[in-house]
């Protein structure tokens, strides 16, 4: 599988930034049965947008930050609830 982290527009984010997890591979679903809205939201070409948010460290490791439906937009930046709790 190939993975990347992307912003809302599908552009890859820099190391250290939180992005949505996109996954591409040979053994993934093609869509949701009779749920076109969900299929359009999740499946983008060869990529599946999982709804998980992660941060990639400079060493290539990933840190799970939560689900995109739990994210908070603060001053134009997406933050995971745990980041707000820490601050």
PDB file of N, CA and C in Angstrom:
ATOM      1  N   UNK A   1       0.830  -1.182   0.000  1.00  0.00           N
ATOM      2  CA  UNK A   1       0.000   0.000   0.000  1.00  0.00           C
ATOM      3  C   UNK A   1       0.874   1.244   0.000  1.00  0.00           C
ATOM      4  N   UNK A   2       0.335   2.289  -0.561  1.00  0.00           N
ATOM      5  CA  UNK A   2       0.987   3.597  -0.559  1.00  0.00           C
ATOM      6  C   UNK A   2       0.096   4.528   0.252  1.00  0.00           C
ATOM      7  N   UNK A   3       0.691   5.365   1.074  1.00  0.00           N
ATOM      8  CA  UNK A   3      -0.072   6.312   1.883  1.00  0.00           C
ATOM      9  C   UNK A   3       0.479   7.712   1.692  1.00  0.00           C
ATOM     10  N   UNK A   4      -0.399   8.691   1.896  1.00  0.00           N
ATOM     11  CA  UNK A   4       0.019  10.088   1.918  1.00  0.00           C
ATOM     12  C   UNK A   4      -0.938  10.841   2.817  1.00  0.00           C
ATOM     13  N   UNK A   5      -0.497  11.987   3.314  1.00  0.00           N
ATOM     14  CA  UNK A   5      -1.330  12.847   4.134  1.00  0.00           C
ATOM     15  C   UNK A   5      -1.641  14.099   3.341  1.00  0.00           C
ATOM     16  N   UNK A   6      -2.915  14.456   3.277  1.00  0.00           N
ATOM     17  CA  UNK A   6      -3.346  15.570   2.428  1.00  0.00           C
ATOM     18  C   UNK A   6      -4.218  16.557   3.189  1.00  0.00           C
ATOM     19  N   UNK A   7      -4.259  17.791   2.658  1.00  0.00           N
ATOM     20  CA  UNK A   7      -5.159  18.801   3.204  1.00  0.00           C
ATOM     21  C   UNK A   7      -6.542  18.644   2.577  1.00  0.00           C
ATOM     22  N   UNK A   8      -7.436  19.583   2.847  1.00  0.00           N
ATOM     23  CA  UNK A   8      -8.820  19.518   2.354  1.00  0.00           C
ATOM     24  C   UNK A   8      -8.907  19.498   0.832  1.00  0.00           C
ATOM     25  N   UNK A   9      -7.908  20.098   0.170  1.00  0.00           N
ATOM     26  CA  UNK A   9      -7.922  20.186  -1.292  1.00  0.00           C
ATOM     27  C   UNK A   9      -7.217  19.020  -1.972  1.00  0.00           C
ATOM     28  N   UNK A  10      -6.681  18.087  -1.178  1.00  0.00           N
ATOM     29  CA  UNK A  10      -5.991  16.932  -1.741  1.00  0.00           C
ATOM     30  C   UNK A  10      -4.509  17.142  -1.974  1.00  0.00           C
ATOM     31  N   UNK A  11      -3.975  18.288  -1.533  1.00  0.00           N
ATOM     32  CA  UNK A  11      -2.537  18.551  -1.661  1.00  0.00           C
ATOM     33  C   UNK A  11      -1.811  17.937  -0.462  1.00  0.00           C
ATOM     34  N   UNK A  12      -0.667  17.330  -0.716  1.00  0.00           N
ATOM     35  CA  UNK A  12       0.096  16.722   0.377  1.00  0.00           C
ATOM     36  C   UNK A  12       0.568  17.783   1.357  1.00  0.00           C
ATOM     37  N   UNK A  13       0.533  17.436   2.649  1.00  0.00           N
ATOM     38  CA  UNK A  13       0.986  18.356   3.694  1.00  0.00           C
ATOM     39  C   UNK A  13       2.448  18.074   4.026  1.00  0.00           C
ATOM     40  N   UNK A  14       3.103  19.053   4.600  1.00  0.00           N
ATOM     41  CA  UNK A  14       4.510  18.932   4.985  1.00  0.00           C
ATOM     42  C   UNK A  14       4.653  18.082   6.249  1.00  0.00           C
ATOM     43  N   UNK A  15       5.830  17.502   6.430  1.00  0.00           N
ATOM     44  CA  UNK A  15       6.121  16.782   7.666  1.00  0.00           C
ATOM     45  C   UNK A  15       5.823  17.701   8.848  1.00  0.00           C
ATOM     46  N   UNK A  16       5.209  17.144   9.883  1.00  0.00           N
ATOM     47  CA  UNK A  16       4.877  17.913  11.068  1.00  0.00           C
ATOM     48  C   UNK A  16       3.472  18.493  11.049  1.00  0.00           C
ATOM     49  N   UNK A  17       2.849  18.572   9.862  1.00  0.00           N
ATOM     50  CA  UNK A  17       1.482  19.080   9.750  1.00  0.00           C
ATOM     51  C   UNK A  17       0.498  17.912   9.792  1.00  0.00           C
ATOM     52  N   UNK A  18      -0.691  18.174  10.292  1.00  0.00           N
ATOM     53  CA  UNK A  18      -1.735  17.158  10.339  1.00  0.00           C
ATOM     54  C   UNK A  18      -2.447  17.124   8.997  1.00  0.00           C
ATOM     55  N   UNK A  19      -2.671  15.906   8.501  1.00  0.00           N
ATOM     56  CA  UNK A  19      -3.382  15.737   7.243  1.00  0.00           C
ATOM     57  C   UNK A  19      -4.274  14.513   7.273  1.00  0.00           C
ATOM     58  N   UNK A  20      -5.162  14.443   6.304  1.00  0.00           N
ATOM     59  CA  UNK A  20      -6.049  13.285   6.161  1.00  0.00           C
ATOM     60  C   UNK A  20      -5.265  12.143   5.537  1.00  0.00           C
ATOM     61  N   UNK A  21      -5.501  10.933   6.013  1.00  0.00           N
ATOM     62  CA  UNK A  21      -4.820   9.748   5.505  1.00  0.00           C
ATOM     63  C   UNK A  21      -5.471   9.293   4.203  1.00  0.00           C
ATOM     64  N   UNK A  22      -4.682   9.253   3.142  1.00  0.00           N
ATOM     65  CA  UNK A  22      -5.098   8.722   1.840  1.00  0.00           C
ATOM     66  C   UNK A  22      -4.313   7.438   1.632  1.00  0.00           C
ATOM     67  N   UNK A  23      -4.999   6.378   1.207  1.00  0.00           N
ATOM     68  CA  UNK A  23      -4.383   5.062   1.015  1.00  0.00           C
ATOM     69  C   UNK A  23      -4.673   4.579  -0.403  1.00  0.00           C
ATOM     70  N   UNK A  24      -3.646   3.990  -1.042  1.00  0.00           N
ATOM     71  CA  UNK A  24      -3.801   3.426  -2.382  1.00  0.00           C
ATOM     72  C   UNK A  24      -3.206   2.029  -2.367  1.00  0.00           C
ATOM     73  N   UNK A  25      -3.937   1.066  -2.932  1.00  0.00           N
ATOM     74  CA  UNK A  25      -3.436  -0.295  -2.986  1.00  0.00           C
ATOM     75  C   UNK A  25      -4.322  -1.174  -3.840  1.00  0.00           C
ATOM     76  N   UNK A  26      -3.845  -2.371  -4.082  1.00  0.00           N
ATOM     77  CA  UNK A  26      -4.539  -3.312  -4.964  1.00  0.00           C
ATOM     78  C   UNK A  26      -5.817  -3.883  -4.354  1.00  0.00           C
ATOM     79  N   UNK A  27      -5.901  -3.985  -3.036  1.00  0.00           N
ATOM     80  CA  UNK A  27      -7.040  -4.676  -2.425  1.00  0.00           C
ATOM     81  C   UNK A  27      -7.897  -3.725  -1.591  1.00  0.00           C
ATOM     82  N   UNK A  28      -8.509  -2.775  -2.263  1.00  0.00           N
ATOM     83  CA  UNK A  28      -9.414  -1.873  -1.567  1.00  0.00           C
ATOM     84  C   UNK A  28     -10.773  -1.911  -2.248  1.00  0.00           C
ATOM     85  N   UNK A  29     -11.778  -1.424  -1.559  1.00  0.00           N
ATOM     86  CA  UNK A  29     -13.127  -1.373  -2.125  1.00  0.00           C
ATOM     87  C   UNK A  29     -13.165  -0.348  -3.259  1.00  0.00           C
ATOM     88  N   UNK A  30     -14.156  -0.485  -4.101  1.00  0.00           N
ATOM     89  CA  UNK A  30     -14.360   0.464  -5.194  1.00  0.00           C
ATOM     90  C   UNK A  30     -15.398   1.516  -4.834  1.00  0.00           C
ATOM     91  N   UNK A  31     -16.173   1.260  -3.801  1.00  0.00           N
ATOM     92  CA  UNK A  31     -17.203   2.200  -3.390  1.00  0.00           C
ATOM     93  C   UNK A  31     -18.134   1.561  -2.388  1.00  0.00           C
ATOM     94  N   UNK A  32     -19.117   2.329  -1.942  1.00  0.00           N
ATOM     95  CA  UNK A  32     -20.132   1.843  -1.015  1.00  0.00           C
ATOM     96  C   UNK A  32     -21.382   1.468  -1.798  1.00  0.00           C
ATOM     97  N   UNK A  33     -21.974   0.341  -1.477  1.00  0.00           N
ATOM     98  CA  UNK A  33     -23.159  -0.164  -2.170  1.00  0.00           C
ATOM     99  C   UNK A  33     -24.314   0.827  -2.010  1.00  0.00           C
ATOM    100  N   UNK A  34     -24.764   1.361  -3.113  1.00  0.00           N
ATOM    101  CA  UNK A  34     -25.903   2.263  -3.205  1.00  0.00           C
ATOM    102  C   UNK A  34     -25.786   3.484  -2.292  1.00  0.00           C
ATOM    103  N   UNK A  35     -24.561   3.971  -2.088  1.00  0.00           N
ATOM    104  CA  UNK A  35     -24.316   5.166  -1.272  1.00  0.00           C
ATOM    105  C   UNK A  35     -23.364   6.085  -2.037  1.00  0.00           C
ATOM    106  N   UNK A  36     -23.880   6.701  -3.085  1.00  0.00           N
ATOM    107  CA  UNK A  36     -23.045   7.495  -3.981  1.00  0.00           C
ATOM    108  C   UNK A  36     -22.384   8.683  -3.285  1.00  0.00           C
ATOM    109  N   UNK A  37     -23.091   9.356  -2.373  1.00  0.00           N
ATOM    110  CA  UNK A  37     -22.500  10.502  -1.682  1.00  0.00           C
ATOM    111  C   UNK A  37     -21.269  10.083  -0.878  1.00  0.00           C
ATOM    112  N   UNK A  38     -21.386   8.991  -0.133  1.00  0.00           N
ATOM    113  CA  UNK A  38     -20.249   8.498   0.651  1.00  0.00           C
ATOM    114  C   UNK A  38     -19.131   8.008  -0.265  1.00  0.00           C
ATOM    115  N   UNK A  39     -19.479   7.351  -1.353  1.00  0.00           N
ATOM    116  CA  UNK A  39     -18.476   6.870  -2.307  1.00  0.00           C
ATOM    117  C   UNK A  39     -17.686   8.032  -2.881  1.00  0.00           C
ATOM    118  N   UNK A  40     -18.377   9.090  -3.267  1.00  0.00           N
ATOM    119  CA  UNK A  40     -17.717  10.268  -3.840  1.00  0.00           C
ATOM    120  C   UNK A  40     -16.804  10.939  -2.823  1.00  0.00           C
ATOM    121  N   UNK A  41     -17.212  10.972  -1.565  1.00  0.00           N
ATOM    122  CA  UNK A  41     -16.429  11.616  -0.513  1.00  0.00           C
ATOM    123  C   UNK A  41     -15.172  10.819  -0.174  1.00  0.00           C
ATOM    124  N   UNK A  42     -15.269   9.500  -0.171  1.00  0.00           N
ATOM    125  CA  UNK A  42     -14.185   8.643   0.315  1.00  0.00           C
ATOM    126  C   UNK A  42     -13.245   8.166  -0.794  1.00  0.00           C
ATOM    127  N   UNK A  43     -13.791   7.797  -1.953  1.00  0.00           N
ATOM    128  CA  UNK A  43     -12.972   7.207  -3.006  1.00  0.00           C
ATOM    129  C   UNK A  43     -12.670   8.249  -4.070  1.00  0.00           C
ATOM    130  N   UNK A  44     -11.396   8.542  -4.233  1.00  0.00           N
ATOM    131  CA  UNK A  44     -10.957   9.565  -5.178  1.00  0.00           C
ATOM    132  C   UNK A  44      -9.921   8.961  -6.116  1.00  0.00           C
ATOM    133  N   UNK A  45     -10.407   8.515  -7.263  1.00  0.00           N
ATOM    134  CA  UNK A  45      -9.522   7.815  -8.195  1.00  0.00           C
ATOM    135  C   UNK A  45      -9.027   6.535  -7.562  1.00  0.00           C
ATOM    136  N   UNK A  46      -7.721   6.348  -7.565  1.00  0.00           N
ATOM    137  CA  UNK A  46      -7.117   5.154  -6.954  1.00  0.00           C
ATOM    138  C   UNK A  46      -7.021   5.265  -5.430  1.00  0.00           C
ATOM    139  N   UNK A  47      -7.305   6.430  -4.886  1.00  0.00           N
ATOM    140  CA  UNK A  47      -7.084   6.702  -3.468  1.00  0.00           C
ATOM    141  C   UNK A  47      -8.357   6.539  -2.653  1.00  0.00           C
ATOM    142  N   UNK A  48      -8.192   6.090  -1.415  1.00  0.00           N
ATOM    143  CA  UNK A  48      -9.269   5.997  -0.435  1.00  0.00           C
ATOM    144  C   UNK A  48      -8.928   6.973   0.693  1.00  0.00           C
ATOM    145  N   UNK A  49      -9.825   7.910   0.970  1.00  0.00           N
ATOM    146  CA  UNK A  49      -9.637   8.875   2.058  1.00  0.00           C
ATOM    147  C   UNK A  49     -10.312   8.284   3.293  1.00  0.00           C
ATOM    148  N   UNK A  50      -9.511   7.853   4.265  1.00  0.00           N
ATOM    149  CA  UNK A  50     -10.008   7.027   5.366  1.00  0.00           C
ATOM    150  C   UNK A  50     -10.826   7.771   6.409  1.00  0.00           C
ATOM    151  N   UNK A  51     -10.631   9.067   6.534  1.00  0.00           N
ATOM    152  CA  UNK A  51     -11.276   9.818   7.613  1.00  0.00           C
ATOM    153  C   UNK A  51     -10.392   9.934   8.839  1.00  0.00           C
ATOM    154  N   UNK A  52      -9.240   9.260   8.826  1.00  0.00           N
ATOM    155  CA  UNK A  52      -8.278   9.365   9.926  1.00  0.00           C
ATOM    156  C   UNK A  52      -7.336  10.526   9.652  1.00  0.00           C
ATOM    157  N   UNK A  53      -6.910  11.198  10.714  1.00  0.00           N
ATOM    158  CA  UNK A  53      -5.931  12.270  10.579  1.00  0.00           C
ATOM    159  C   UNK A  53      -4.656  11.860  11.293  1.00  0.00           C
ATOM    160  N   UNK A  54      -3.535  12.158  10.635  1.00  0.00           N
ATOM    161  CA  UNK A  54      -2.232  11.786  11.170  1.00  0.00           C
ATOM    162  C   UNK A  54      -1.237  12.909  10.945  1.00  0.00           C
ATOM    163  N   UNK A  55      -0.113  12.801  11.627  1.00  0.00           N
ATOM    164  CA  UNK A  55       1.029  13.702  11.415  1.00  0.00           C
ATOM    165  C   UNK A  55       2.224  12.816  11.086  1.00  0.00           C
ATOM    166  N   UNK A  56       2.956  13.168  10.031  1.00  0.00           N
ATOM    167  CA  UNK A  56       4.159  12.417   9.667  1.00  0.00           C
ATOM    168  C   UNK A  56       5.368  13.137  10.251  1.00  0.00           C
ATOM    169  N   UNK A  57       6.174  12.402  10.973  1.00  0.00           N
ATOM    170  CA  UNK A  57       7.410  12.955  11.525  1.00  0.00           C
ATOM    171  C   UNK A  57       8.489  12.962  10.453  1.00  0.00           C
ATOM    172  N   UNK A  58       9.538  13.730  10.678  1.00  0.00           N
ATOM    173  CA  UNK A  58      10.641  13.834   9.717  1.00  0.00           C
ATOM    174  C   UNK A  58      11.314  12.483   9.474  1.00  0.00           C
ATOM    175  N   UNK A  59      11.248  11.568  10.450  1.00  0.00           N
ATOM    176  CA  UNK A  59      11.880  10.247  10.283  1.00  0.00           C
ATOM    177  C   UNK A  59      10.982   9.255   9.546  1.00  0.00           C
ATOM    178  N   UNK A  60       9.792   9.717   9.088  1.00  0.00           N
ATOM    179  CA  UNK A  60       8.898   8.860   8.318  1.00  0.00           C
ATOM    180  C   UNK A  60       7.863   8.111   9.143  1.00  0.00           C
ATOM    181  N   UNK A  61       7.926   8.230  10.459  1.00  0.00           N
ATOM    182  CA  UNK A  61       6.916   7.601  11.302  1.00  0.00           C
ATOM    183  C   UNK A  61       5.667   8.484  11.356  1.00  0.00           C
ATOM    184  N   UNK A  62       4.547   7.876  11.746  1.00  0.00           N
ATOM    185  CA  UNK A  62       3.280   8.588  11.783  1.00  0.00           C
ATOM    186  C   UNK A  62       2.732   8.627  13.203  1.00  0.00           C
ATOM    187  N   UNK A  63       2.000   9.682  13.524  1.00  0.00           N
ATOM    188  CA  UNK A  63       1.312   9.825  14.802  1.00  0.00           C
ATOM    189  C   UNK A  63      -0.171   9.993  14.502  1.00  0.00           C
ATOM    190  N   UNK A  64      -0.988   9.122  15.084  1.00  0.00           N
ATOM    191  CA  UNK A  64      -2.438   9.199  14.891  1.00  0.00           C
ATOM    192  C   UNK A  64      -2.977  10.386  15.675  1.00  0.00           C
ATOM    193  N   UNK A  65      -3.809  11.212  15.033  1.00  0.00           N
ATOM    194  CA  UNK A  65      -4.335  12.415  15.678  1.00  0.00           C
ATOM    195  C   UNK A  65      -5.841  12.384  15.888  1.00  0.00           C
ATOM    196  N   UNK A  66      -6.535  11.440  15.291  1.00  0.00           N
ATOM    197  CA  UNK A  66      -7.976  11.357  15.481  1.00  0.00           C
ATOM    198  C   UNK A  66      -8.700  11.188  14.151  1.00  0.00           C
ATOM    199  N   UNK A  67      -9.992  11.420  14.192  1.00  0.00           N
ATOM    200  CA  UNK A  67     -10.832  11.314  13.007  1.00  0.00           C
ATOM    201  C   UNK A  67     -11.123  12.708  12.467  1.00  0.00           C
ATOM    202  N   UNK A  68     -11.266  12.809  11.155  1.00  0.00           N
ATOM    203  CA  UNK A  68     -11.523  14.114  10.546  1.00  0.00           C
ATOM    204  C   UNK A  68     -12.851  14.701  11.006  1.00  0.00           C
ATOM    205  N   UNK A  69     -13.812  13.852  11.356  1.00  0.00           N
ATOM    206  CA  UNK A  69     -15.086  14.374  11.822  1.00  0.00           C
ATOM    207  C   UNK A  69     -15.021  14.839  13.279  1.00  0.00           C
ATOM    208  N   UNK A  70     -13.868  14.693  13.923  1.00  0.00           N
ATOM    209  CA  UNK A  70     -13.660  15.190  15.283  1.00  0.00           C
ATOM    210  C   UNK A  70     -12.763  16.421  15.320  1.00  0.00           C
ATOM    211  N   UNK A  71     -12.192  16.806  14.177  1.00  0.00           N
ATOM    212  CA  UNK A  71     -11.225  17.898  14.134  1.00  0.00           C
ATOM    213  C   UNK A  71     -11.899  19.250  14.377  1.00  0.00           C
ATOM    214  N   UNK A  72     -11.132  20.170  14.932  1.00  0.00           N
ATOM    215  CA  UNK A  72     -11.592  21.520  15.209  1.00  0.00           C
ATOM    216  C   UNK A  72     -10.757  22.495  14.390  1.00  0.00           C
ATOM    217  N   UNK A  73     -11.392  23.475  13.774  1.00  0.00           N
ATOM    218  CA  UNK A  73     -10.640  24.480  13.027  1.00  0.00           C
ATOM    219  C   UNK A  73     -10.468  25.694  13.929  1.00  0.00           C
ATOM    220  N   UNK A  74      -9.214  25.989  14.274  1.00  0.00           N
ATOM    221  CA  UNK A  74      -8.890  27.085  15.184  1.00  0.00           C
ATOM    222  C   UNK A  74      -7.944  28.028  14.466  1.00  0.00           C
ATOM    223  N   UNK A  75      -8.367  29.262  14.262  1.00  0.00           N
ATOM    224  CA  UNK A  75      -7.563  30.274  13.565  1.00  0.00           C
ATOM    225  C   UNK A  75      -7.053  29.766  12.220  1.00  0.00           C
ATOM    226  N   UNK A  76      -7.929  29.069  11.480  1.00  0.00           N
ATOM    227  CA  UNK A  76      -7.585  28.604  10.141  1.00  0.00           C
ATOM    228  C   UNK A  76      -6.741  27.347  10.093  1.00  0.00           C
ATOM    229  N   UNK A  77      -6.492  26.735  11.235  1.00  0.00           N
ATOM    230  CA  UNK A  77      -5.665  25.518  11.281  1.00  0.00           C
ATOM    231  C   UNK A  77      -6.472  24.387  11.903  1.00  0.00           C
ATOM    232  N   UNK A  78      -6.382  23.178  11.323  1.00  0.00           N
ATOM    233  CA  UNK A  78      -7.085  22.033  11.867  1.00  0.00           C
ATOM    234  C   UNK A  78      -6.320  21.478  13.058  1.00  0.00           C
ATOM    235  N   UNK A  79      -7.010  21.259  14.165  1.00  0.00           N
ATOM    236  CA  UNK A  79      -6.406  20.703  15.368  1.00  0.00           C
ATOM    237  C   UNK A  79      -7.210  19.506  15.846  1.00  0.00           C
ATOM    238  N   UNK A  80      -6.507  18.510  16.335  1.00  0.00           N
ATOM    239  CA  UNK A  80      -7.153  17.367  16.948  1.00  0.00           C
ATOM    240  C   UNK A  80      -7.578  17.758  18.366  1.00  0.00           C
ATOM    241  N   UNK A  81      -8.662  17.177  18.878  1.00  0.00           N
ATOM    242  CA  UNK A  81      -9.084  17.511  20.245  1.00  0.00           C
ATOM    243  C   UNK A  81      -7.966  17.339  21.271  1.00  0.00           C
ATOM    244  N   UNK A  82      -7.128  16.339  21.110  1.00  0.00           N
ATOM    245  CA  UNK A  82      -6.021  16.117  22.051  1.00  0.00           C
ATOM    246  C   UNK A  82      -5.048  17.287  22.050  1.00  0.00           C
ATOM    247  N   UNK A  83      -4.830  17.916  20.888  1.00  0.00           N
ATOM    248  CA  UNK A  83      -3.926  19.077  20.826  1.00  0.00           C
ATOM    249  C   UNK A  83      -4.491  20.258  21.611  1.00  0.00           C
ATOM    250  N   UNK A  84      -5.813  20.426  21.546  1.00  0.00           N
ATOM    251  CA  UNK A  84      -6.447  21.516  22.272  1.00  0.00           C
ATOM    252  C   UNK A  84      -6.373  21.239  23.769  1.00  0.00           C
ATOM    253  N   UNK A  85      -6.574  19.983  24.168  1.00  0.00           N
ATOM    254  CA  UNK A  85      -6.536  19.617  25.579  1.00  0.00           C
ATOM    255  C   UNK A  85      -5.145  19.834  26.174  1.00  0.00           C
ATOM    256  N   UNK A  86      -4.104  19.573  25.386  1.00  0.00           N
ATOM    257  CA  UNK A  86      -2.721  19.720  25.864  1.00  0.00           C
ATOM    258  C   UNK A  86      -2.370  21.189  26.086  1.00  0.00           C
ATOM    259  N   UNK A  87      -2.875  22.055  25.214  1.00  0.00           N
ATOM    260  CA  UNK A  87      -2.515  23.488  25.243  1.00  0.00           C
ATOM    261  C   UNK A  87      -3.058  24.205  26.404  1.00  0.00           C
TER     262      UNK A  87
END
